N, C-alpha and C. Protein backbone atom coordinates (compact mmCIF):
# COMPACT_ATOMS: atom_id res chain seq x y z
N UNK A 1 104.30 112.19 96.33
CA UNK A 1 103.05 112.51 97.01
C UNK A 1 102.26 113.55 96.23
N UNK A 2 102.94 114.46 95.56
CA UNK A 2 102.25 115.50 94.81
C UNK A 2 101.45 114.90 93.66
N UNK A 3 101.97 113.84 93.04
CA UNK A 3 101.25 113.21 91.94
C UNK A 3 99.95 112.59 92.44
N UNK A 4 99.98 112.01 93.63
CA UNK A 4 98.77 111.43 94.20
C UNK A 4 97.75 112.51 94.54
N UNK A 5 98.18 113.60 95.11
CA UNK A 5 97.30 114.65 95.59
C UNK A 5 96.58 115.35 94.44
N UNK A 6 97.24 115.54 93.30
CA UNK A 6 96.67 116.32 92.22
C UNK A 6 96.46 115.50 90.95
N UNK A 7 96.09 114.25 91.09
CA UNK A 7 95.83 113.45 89.90
C UNK A 7 94.58 113.97 89.21
N UNK A 8 94.40 113.61 87.96
CA UNK A 8 93.26 114.07 87.18
C UNK A 8 91.94 113.51 87.70
N UNK A 9 91.99 112.34 88.29
CA UNK A 9 90.76 111.68 88.72
C UNK A 9 90.35 112.01 90.14
N UNK A 10 91.30 112.45 90.93
CA UNK A 10 91.00 112.63 92.35
C UNK A 10 91.82 113.78 92.92
N UNK A 11 91.16 114.62 93.67
CA UNK A 11 91.85 115.73 94.33
C UNK A 11 91.67 115.58 95.83
N UNK A 12 92.76 115.56 96.56
CA UNK A 12 92.71 115.49 98.02
C UNK A 12 93.24 116.80 98.57
N UNK A 13 92.40 117.58 99.25
CA UNK A 13 92.89 118.84 99.80
C UNK A 13 93.89 118.60 100.93
N UNK A 14 94.68 119.62 101.21
CA UNK A 14 95.65 119.51 102.30
C UNK A 14 94.92 119.34 103.62
N UNK A 15 95.49 118.52 104.49
CA UNK A 15 94.92 118.38 105.82
C UNK A 15 95.34 119.59 106.65
N UNK A 16 94.70 119.75 107.79
CA UNK A 16 95.04 120.87 108.68
C UNK A 16 96.51 120.78 109.10
N UNK A 17 96.97 119.57 109.42
CA UNK A 17 98.37 119.41 109.84
C UNK A 17 99.33 119.78 108.71
N UNK A 18 98.97 119.42 107.47
CA UNK A 18 99.82 119.80 106.33
C UNK A 18 99.83 121.31 106.13
N UNK A 19 98.67 121.94 106.30
CA UNK A 19 98.59 123.40 106.18
C UNK A 19 99.42 124.07 107.28
N UNK A 20 99.36 123.53 108.50
CA UNK A 20 100.15 124.08 109.61
C UNK A 20 101.63 123.94 109.30
N UNK A 21 102.03 122.77 108.82
CA UNK A 21 103.44 122.55 108.47
C UNK A 21 103.89 123.55 107.41
N UNK A 22 103.05 123.75 106.39
CA UNK A 22 103.37 124.69 105.32
C UNK A 22 103.50 126.12 105.85
N UNK A 23 102.59 126.52 106.74
CA UNK A 23 102.64 127.87 107.32
C UNK A 23 103.90 128.03 108.18
N UNK A 24 104.25 127.00 108.94
CA UNK A 24 105.46 127.07 109.78
C UNK A 24 106.71 127.17 108.91
N UNK A 25 106.72 126.46 107.78
CA UNK A 25 107.85 126.55 106.84
C UNK A 25 107.96 127.97 106.28
N UNK A 26 106.84 128.58 105.93
CA UNK A 26 106.83 129.95 105.42
C UNK A 26 107.37 130.92 106.47
N UNK A 27 106.96 130.72 107.71
CA UNK A 27 107.43 131.59 108.80
C UNK A 27 108.94 131.47 108.95
N UNK A 28 109.46 130.24 108.90
CA UNK A 28 110.92 130.05 109.00
C UNK A 28 111.63 130.70 107.81
N UNK A 29 111.04 130.58 106.62
CA UNK A 29 111.64 131.19 105.43
C UNK A 29 111.71 132.71 105.58
N UNK A 30 110.62 133.30 106.06
CA UNK A 30 110.58 134.75 106.23
C UNK A 30 111.60 135.18 107.29
N UNK A 31 111.69 134.43 108.38
CA UNK A 31 112.66 134.78 109.43
C UNK A 31 114.08 134.67 108.91
N UNK A 32 114.35 133.64 108.09
CA UNK A 32 115.69 133.50 107.50
C UNK A 32 115.96 134.62 106.51
N UNK A 33 114.93 135.08 105.83
CA UNK A 33 115.05 136.14 104.84
C UNK A 33 115.36 137.49 105.50
N UNK A 34 114.81 137.72 106.67
CA UNK A 34 114.94 139.03 107.31
C UNK A 34 116.29 139.20 108.03
N UNK A 35 116.91 138.10 108.43
CA UNK A 35 118.19 138.20 109.17
C UNK A 35 119.26 138.97 108.41
N UNK A 36 119.56 138.63 107.14
CA UNK A 36 120.61 139.40 106.44
C UNK A 36 120.21 140.86 106.23
N UNK A 37 118.93 141.12 106.09
CA UNK A 37 118.47 142.51 105.91
C UNK A 37 118.77 143.32 107.18
N UNK A 38 118.47 142.75 108.33
CA UNK A 38 118.73 143.43 109.60
C UNK A 38 120.23 143.60 109.80
N UNK A 39 121.02 142.57 109.44
CA UNK A 39 122.48 142.68 109.56
C UNK A 39 123.01 143.82 108.69
N UNK A 40 122.47 143.94 107.47
CA UNK A 40 122.90 145.02 106.57
C UNK A 40 122.53 146.38 107.16
N UNK A 41 121.36 146.48 107.77
CA UNK A 41 120.95 147.74 108.38
C UNK A 41 121.93 148.11 109.50
N UNK A 42 122.33 147.14 110.31
CA UNK A 42 123.28 147.41 111.39
C UNK A 42 124.63 147.89 110.85
N UNK A 43 125.08 147.29 109.73
CA UNK A 43 126.32 147.72 109.10
C UNK A 43 126.23 149.18 108.66
N UNK A 44 125.12 149.52 108.03
CA UNK A 44 124.94 150.90 107.55
C UNK A 44 124.88 151.86 108.73
N UNK A 45 124.21 151.47 109.81
CA UNK A 45 124.14 152.34 110.99
C UNK A 45 125.53 152.56 111.58
N UNK A 46 126.36 151.51 111.60
CA UNK A 46 127.73 151.66 112.10
C UNK A 46 128.54 152.60 111.21
N UNK A 47 128.38 152.45 109.89
CA UNK A 47 129.10 153.33 108.97
C UNK A 47 128.60 154.77 109.10
N UNK A 48 127.30 154.94 109.32
CA UNK A 48 126.75 156.29 109.49
C UNK A 48 127.33 156.95 110.73
N UNK A 49 127.50 156.18 111.78
CA UNK A 49 128.10 156.72 113.00
C UNK A 49 129.51 157.23 112.71
N UNK A 50 130.23 156.44 111.93
CA UNK A 50 131.60 156.82 111.56
C UNK A 50 131.59 158.08 110.67
N UNK A 51 130.70 158.13 109.71
CA UNK A 51 130.61 159.28 108.82
C UNK A 51 130.18 160.53 109.59
N UNK A 52 129.25 160.37 110.52
CA UNK A 52 128.81 161.50 111.32
C UNK A 52 129.93 162.06 112.18
N UNK A 53 130.85 161.18 112.60
CA UNK A 53 132.01 161.66 113.37
C UNK A 53 132.89 162.55 112.50
N UNK A 54 133.06 162.19 111.23
CA UNK A 54 133.86 163.00 110.31
C UNK A 54 133.17 164.32 109.99
N UNK A 55 131.86 164.34 110.07
CA UNK A 55 131.10 165.54 109.75
C UNK A 55 131.43 166.67 110.74
N UNK A 56 131.80 166.30 111.97
CA UNK A 56 132.08 167.30 113.00
C UNK A 56 133.48 167.90 112.86
N UNK A 57 134.35 167.19 112.16
CA UNK A 57 135.71 167.69 111.94
C UNK A 57 135.70 168.77 110.86
N UNK A 58 136.73 169.58 110.90
CA UNK A 58 136.86 170.54 109.81
C UNK A 58 137.51 169.82 108.65
N UNK A 59 136.84 169.87 107.49
CA UNK A 59 137.35 169.23 106.28
C UNK A 59 137.31 170.24 105.14
N UNK A 60 138.19 170.07 104.19
CA UNK A 60 138.10 170.92 103.00
C UNK A 60 136.75 170.70 102.32
N UNK A 61 136.31 171.70 101.57
CA UNK A 61 134.98 171.66 100.97
C UNK A 61 134.73 170.41 100.13
N UNK A 62 135.70 170.02 99.30
CA UNK A 62 135.48 168.86 98.44
C UNK A 62 135.34 167.57 99.25
N UNK A 63 136.15 167.42 100.32
CA UNK A 63 136.04 166.23 101.17
C UNK A 63 134.72 166.25 101.96
N UNK A 64 134.35 167.42 102.46
CA UNK A 64 133.11 167.54 103.20
C UNK A 64 131.91 167.18 102.30
N UNK A 65 131.94 167.66 101.05
CA UNK A 65 130.87 167.35 100.11
C UNK A 65 130.80 165.84 99.85
N UNK A 66 131.97 165.20 99.75
CA UNK A 66 132.02 163.75 99.54
C UNK A 66 131.45 163.01 100.76
N UNK A 67 131.81 163.46 101.96
CA UNK A 67 131.30 162.85 103.19
C UNK A 67 129.77 162.98 103.24
N UNK A 68 129.28 164.17 102.91
CA UNK A 68 127.83 164.40 102.96
C UNK A 68 127.10 163.56 101.89
N UNK A 69 127.73 163.42 100.71
CA UNK A 69 127.13 162.61 99.65
C UNK A 69 127.08 161.14 100.09
N UNK A 70 128.15 160.66 100.67
CA UNK A 70 128.20 159.28 101.17
C UNK A 70 127.15 159.08 102.25
N UNK A 71 127.06 160.07 103.14
CA UNK A 71 126.08 159.99 104.22
C UNK A 71 124.66 159.92 103.67
N UNK A 72 124.34 160.76 102.70
CA UNK A 72 122.98 160.77 102.16
C UNK A 72 122.66 159.45 101.45
N UNK A 73 123.66 158.86 100.77
CA UNK A 73 123.44 157.56 100.14
C UNK A 73 123.18 156.47 101.19
N UNK A 74 123.92 156.53 102.27
CA UNK A 74 123.74 155.55 103.35
C UNK A 74 122.37 155.71 104.00
N UNK A 75 121.96 156.95 104.22
CA UNK A 75 120.64 157.19 104.83
C UNK A 75 119.55 156.67 103.90
N UNK A 76 119.71 156.91 102.60
CA UNK A 76 118.73 156.41 101.62
C UNK A 76 118.68 154.89 101.66
N UNK A 77 119.86 154.24 101.69
CA UNK A 77 119.91 152.77 101.79
C UNK A 77 119.24 152.28 103.07
N UNK A 78 119.50 153.00 104.15
CA UNK A 78 118.92 152.61 105.44
C UNK A 78 117.40 152.67 105.39
N UNK A 79 116.86 153.73 104.81
CA UNK A 79 115.40 153.85 104.70
C UNK A 79 114.82 152.76 103.80
N UNK A 80 115.53 152.44 102.73
CA UNK A 80 115.09 151.34 101.86
C UNK A 80 115.06 150.01 102.59
N UNK A 81 116.07 149.78 103.40
CA UNK A 81 116.14 148.54 104.18
C UNK A 81 115.04 148.52 105.23
N UNK A 82 114.79 149.65 105.87
CA UNK A 82 113.72 149.71 106.86
C UNK A 82 112.37 149.42 106.22
N UNK A 83 112.17 149.88 104.99
CA UNK A 83 110.93 149.60 104.27
C UNK A 83 110.82 148.09 103.99
N UNK A 84 111.93 147.47 103.58
CA UNK A 84 111.95 146.01 103.37
C UNK A 84 111.61 145.29 104.67
N UNK A 85 112.17 145.74 105.76
CA UNK A 85 111.91 145.11 107.06
C UNK A 85 110.43 145.25 107.42
N UNK A 86 109.86 146.43 107.20
CA UNK A 86 108.43 146.63 107.49
C UNK A 86 107.56 145.68 106.67
N UNK A 87 107.84 145.57 105.37
CA UNK A 87 107.08 144.67 104.51
C UNK A 87 107.22 143.22 104.95
N UNK A 88 108.43 142.83 105.27
CA UNK A 88 108.68 141.45 105.68
C UNK A 88 108.00 141.17 107.01
N UNK A 89 108.06 142.14 107.94
CA UNK A 89 107.39 141.95 109.22
C UNK A 89 105.87 141.86 109.05
N UNK A 90 105.33 142.63 108.12
CA UNK A 90 103.90 142.56 107.85
C UNK A 90 103.53 141.17 107.31
N UNK A 91 104.34 140.67 106.40
CA UNK A 91 104.13 139.33 105.86
C UNK A 91 104.24 138.28 106.97
N UNK A 92 105.22 138.46 107.85
CA UNK A 92 105.41 137.54 108.96
C UNK A 92 104.20 137.55 109.90
N UNK A 93 103.70 138.75 110.22
CA UNK A 93 102.51 138.84 111.08
C UNK A 93 101.31 138.15 110.44
N UNK A 94 101.17 138.30 109.13
CA UNK A 94 100.08 137.63 108.41
C UNK A 94 100.19 136.12 108.50
N UNK A 95 101.40 135.60 108.33
CA UNK A 95 101.61 134.15 108.40
C UNK A 95 101.40 133.64 109.82
N UNK A 96 101.80 134.43 110.82
CA UNK A 96 101.58 134.02 112.21
C UNK A 96 100.09 133.99 112.53
N UNK A 97 99.34 134.96 112.01
CA UNK A 97 97.88 134.97 112.21
C UNK A 97 97.25 133.77 111.52
N UNK A 98 97.72 133.46 110.32
CA UNK A 98 97.21 132.29 109.59
C UNK A 98 97.50 131.01 110.37
N UNK A 99 98.70 130.92 110.93
CA UNK A 99 99.06 129.74 111.73
C UNK A 99 98.16 129.61 112.95
N UNK A 100 97.87 130.73 113.61
CA UNK A 100 96.97 130.69 114.77
C UNK A 100 95.59 130.19 114.38
N UNK A 101 95.07 130.68 113.24
CA UNK A 101 93.76 130.23 112.77
C UNK A 101 93.76 128.74 112.49
N UNK A 102 94.83 128.28 111.85
CA UNK A 102 94.92 126.85 111.53
C UNK A 102 94.97 125.99 112.80
N UNK A 103 95.69 126.47 113.79
CA UNK A 103 95.76 125.71 115.05
C UNK A 103 94.41 125.68 115.75
N UNK A 104 93.65 126.77 115.65
CA UNK A 104 92.29 126.78 116.21
C UNK A 104 91.39 125.81 115.45
N UNK A 105 91.53 125.77 114.13
CA UNK A 105 90.74 124.85 113.31
C UNK A 105 91.04 123.40 113.68
N UNK A 106 92.31 123.13 113.97
CA UNK A 106 92.69 121.76 114.32
C UNK A 106 92.00 121.33 115.60
N UNK A 107 91.77 122.28 116.51
CA UNK A 107 91.12 121.95 117.78
C UNK A 107 89.64 121.65 117.60
N UNK A 108 89.02 122.24 116.56
CA UNK A 108 87.60 122.03 116.32
C UNK A 108 87.37 120.65 115.71
N UNK A 109 86.19 120.13 115.95
CA UNK A 109 85.82 118.85 115.37
C UNK A 109 85.55 119.05 113.88
N UNK A 110 86.18 118.28 113.02
CA UNK A 110 85.98 118.45 111.58
C UNK A 110 84.53 118.21 111.17
N UNK A 111 84.08 118.95 110.19
CA UNK A 111 82.71 118.87 109.69
C UNK A 111 82.39 117.45 109.22
N UNK A 112 83.34 116.81 108.54
CA UNK A 112 83.12 115.46 108.04
C UNK A 112 82.87 114.48 109.19
N UNK A 113 83.60 114.66 110.27
CA UNK A 113 83.45 113.77 111.41
C UNK A 113 82.09 113.97 112.07
N UNK A 114 81.65 115.21 112.16
CA UNK A 114 80.33 115.50 112.74
C UNK A 114 79.25 114.87 111.86
N UNK A 115 79.39 115.05 110.55
CA UNK A 115 78.41 114.49 109.62
C UNK A 115 78.37 112.97 109.74
N UNK A 116 79.52 112.36 109.84
CA UNK A 116 79.60 110.90 109.96
C UNK A 116 78.90 110.41 111.24
N UNK A 117 79.12 111.09 112.33
CA UNK A 117 78.48 110.71 113.60
C UNK A 117 76.97 110.91 113.55
N UNK A 118 76.53 112.01 112.91
CA UNK A 118 75.09 112.23 112.78
C UNK A 118 74.44 111.15 111.90
N UNK A 119 75.10 110.74 110.86
CA UNK A 119 74.57 109.68 109.99
C UNK A 119 74.44 108.37 110.77
N UNK A 120 75.47 108.08 111.59
CA UNK A 120 75.40 106.86 112.42
C UNK A 120 74.20 106.92 113.36
N UNK A 121 74.00 108.07 114.01
CA UNK A 121 72.86 108.22 114.92
C UNK A 121 71.53 108.11 114.17
N UNK A 122 71.46 108.74 113.00
CA UNK A 122 70.22 108.67 112.21
C UNK A 122 69.89 107.23 111.85
N UNK A 123 70.90 106.50 111.38
CA UNK A 123 70.67 105.11 110.98
C UNK A 123 70.26 104.25 112.18
N UNK A 124 70.90 104.51 113.31
CA UNK A 124 70.58 103.74 114.53
C UNK A 124 69.12 103.96 114.93
N UNK A 125 68.70 105.22 114.97
CA UNK A 125 67.33 105.50 115.41
C UNK A 125 66.30 105.19 114.33
N UNK A 126 66.73 105.17 113.06
CA UNK A 126 65.81 104.77 111.99
C UNK A 126 65.48 103.28 112.14
N UNK A 127 66.52 102.49 112.41
CA UNK A 127 66.26 101.05 112.60
C UNK A 127 65.44 100.82 113.86
N UNK A 128 65.65 101.63 114.88
CA UNK A 128 64.88 101.52 116.12
C UNK A 128 63.41 101.85 115.87
N UNK A 129 63.17 102.91 115.05
CA UNK A 129 61.79 103.32 114.80
C UNK A 129 61.04 102.33 113.91
N UNK A 130 61.75 101.54 113.14
CA UNK A 130 61.08 100.56 112.28
C UNK A 130 60.96 99.18 112.94
N UNK A 131 61.49 99.04 114.15
CA UNK A 131 61.43 97.76 114.88
C UNK A 131 60.03 97.60 115.48
N UNK A 132 59.28 96.62 114.99
CA UNK A 132 57.89 96.44 115.43
C UNK A 132 57.78 95.85 116.83
N UNK A 133 58.87 95.38 117.41
CA UNK A 133 58.80 94.84 118.77
C UNK A 133 58.84 95.94 119.82
N UNK A 134 59.10 97.18 119.38
CA UNK A 134 59.18 98.30 120.32
C UNK A 134 57.80 98.89 120.58
N UNK A 135 57.68 99.58 121.69
CA UNK A 135 56.45 100.28 122.04
C UNK A 135 56.25 101.40 121.01
N UNK A 136 55.00 101.62 120.61
CA UNK A 136 54.72 102.59 119.55
C UNK A 136 55.17 104.00 119.91
N UNK A 137 55.07 104.41 121.16
CA UNK A 137 55.51 105.76 121.54
C UNK A 137 57.03 105.90 121.39
N UNK A 138 57.77 104.83 121.67
CA UNK A 138 59.24 104.88 121.51
C UNK A 138 59.60 104.93 120.03
N UNK A 139 58.83 104.18 119.19
CA UNK A 139 59.08 104.22 117.75
C UNK A 139 58.80 105.62 117.19
N UNK A 140 57.71 106.24 117.67
CA UNK A 140 57.36 107.59 117.23
C UNK A 140 58.43 108.59 117.65
N UNK A 141 58.93 108.44 118.89
CA UNK A 141 59.98 109.34 119.38
C UNK A 141 61.25 109.15 118.55
N UNK A 142 61.61 107.92 118.23
CA UNK A 142 62.79 107.65 117.41
C UNK A 142 62.63 108.23 116.02
N UNK A 143 61.42 108.11 115.46
CA UNK A 143 61.16 108.67 114.13
C UNK A 143 61.33 110.19 114.13
N UNK A 144 60.82 110.83 115.18
CA UNK A 144 60.96 112.28 115.32
C UNK A 144 62.45 112.66 115.44
N UNK A 145 63.21 111.88 116.17
CA UNK A 145 64.64 112.12 116.35
C UNK A 145 65.36 111.99 115.01
N UNK A 146 64.96 110.99 114.20
CA UNK A 146 65.55 110.80 112.87
C UNK A 146 65.29 112.03 112.00
N UNK A 147 64.10 112.59 112.09
CA UNK A 147 63.76 113.79 111.32
C UNK A 147 64.66 114.97 111.73
N UNK A 148 64.86 115.13 113.03
CA UNK A 148 65.69 116.24 113.52
C UNK A 148 67.15 116.07 113.08
N UNK A 149 67.65 114.84 113.14
CA UNK A 149 69.03 114.58 112.70
C UNK A 149 69.15 114.84 111.20
N UNK A 150 68.16 114.42 110.43
CA UNK A 150 68.18 114.66 108.97
C UNK A 150 68.20 116.17 108.69
N UNK A 151 67.46 116.94 109.48
CA UNK A 151 67.49 118.39 109.34
C UNK A 151 68.88 118.96 109.60
N UNK A 152 69.53 118.45 110.63
CA UNK A 152 70.91 118.89 110.93
C UNK A 152 71.86 118.54 109.79
N UNK A 153 71.69 117.36 109.24
CA UNK A 153 72.56 116.93 108.11
C UNK A 153 72.35 117.85 106.91
N UNK A 154 71.11 118.24 106.65
CA UNK A 154 70.84 119.16 105.53
C UNK A 154 71.54 120.50 105.77
N UNK A 155 71.47 120.97 107.02
CA UNK A 155 72.13 122.25 107.36
C UNK A 155 73.64 122.15 107.15
N UNK A 156 74.22 121.01 107.53
CA UNK A 156 75.66 120.81 107.37
C UNK A 156 76.05 120.81 105.89
N UNK A 157 75.22 120.19 105.06
CA UNK A 157 75.56 120.09 103.64
C UNK A 157 75.44 121.44 102.94
N UNK A 158 74.55 122.31 103.42
CA UNK A 158 74.40 123.62 102.78
C UNK A 158 75.42 124.63 103.26
N UNK A 159 76.03 124.37 104.41
CA UNK A 159 77.03 125.35 104.91
C UNK A 159 78.42 125.03 104.43
């Protein structure tokens, strides 16, 4: 499918449904990515609880220094993990917002479909305005309607 989408002669942009699928896949990837990080944070917090319990005991200076060094390394690791979690959560919020926008876009009528319907109406009323069997006031009204539709089509093409 990728070869068809990006051939040298023709480019087909992703549809809204394909974009939604891609965003949902990214969200699942991010959620899967964050789980082991959170698990590691919980492990460090459990070890910190254990180390903090030893901190209250009387220990020889060298052992106490080792406990405090271990504790400071764990706290540093914990802060690093929390920073990773914050970044990942920010990325996740961004993807969720993108998904919401895409779902709103899917609900809207596509520009191409609106343009197609306006062209059909323009052609219908153009043929009506050129029909000599019609009353002249109806032909004039149809002609005016064709002009207004053509104006809308121009606006659509410039936006």
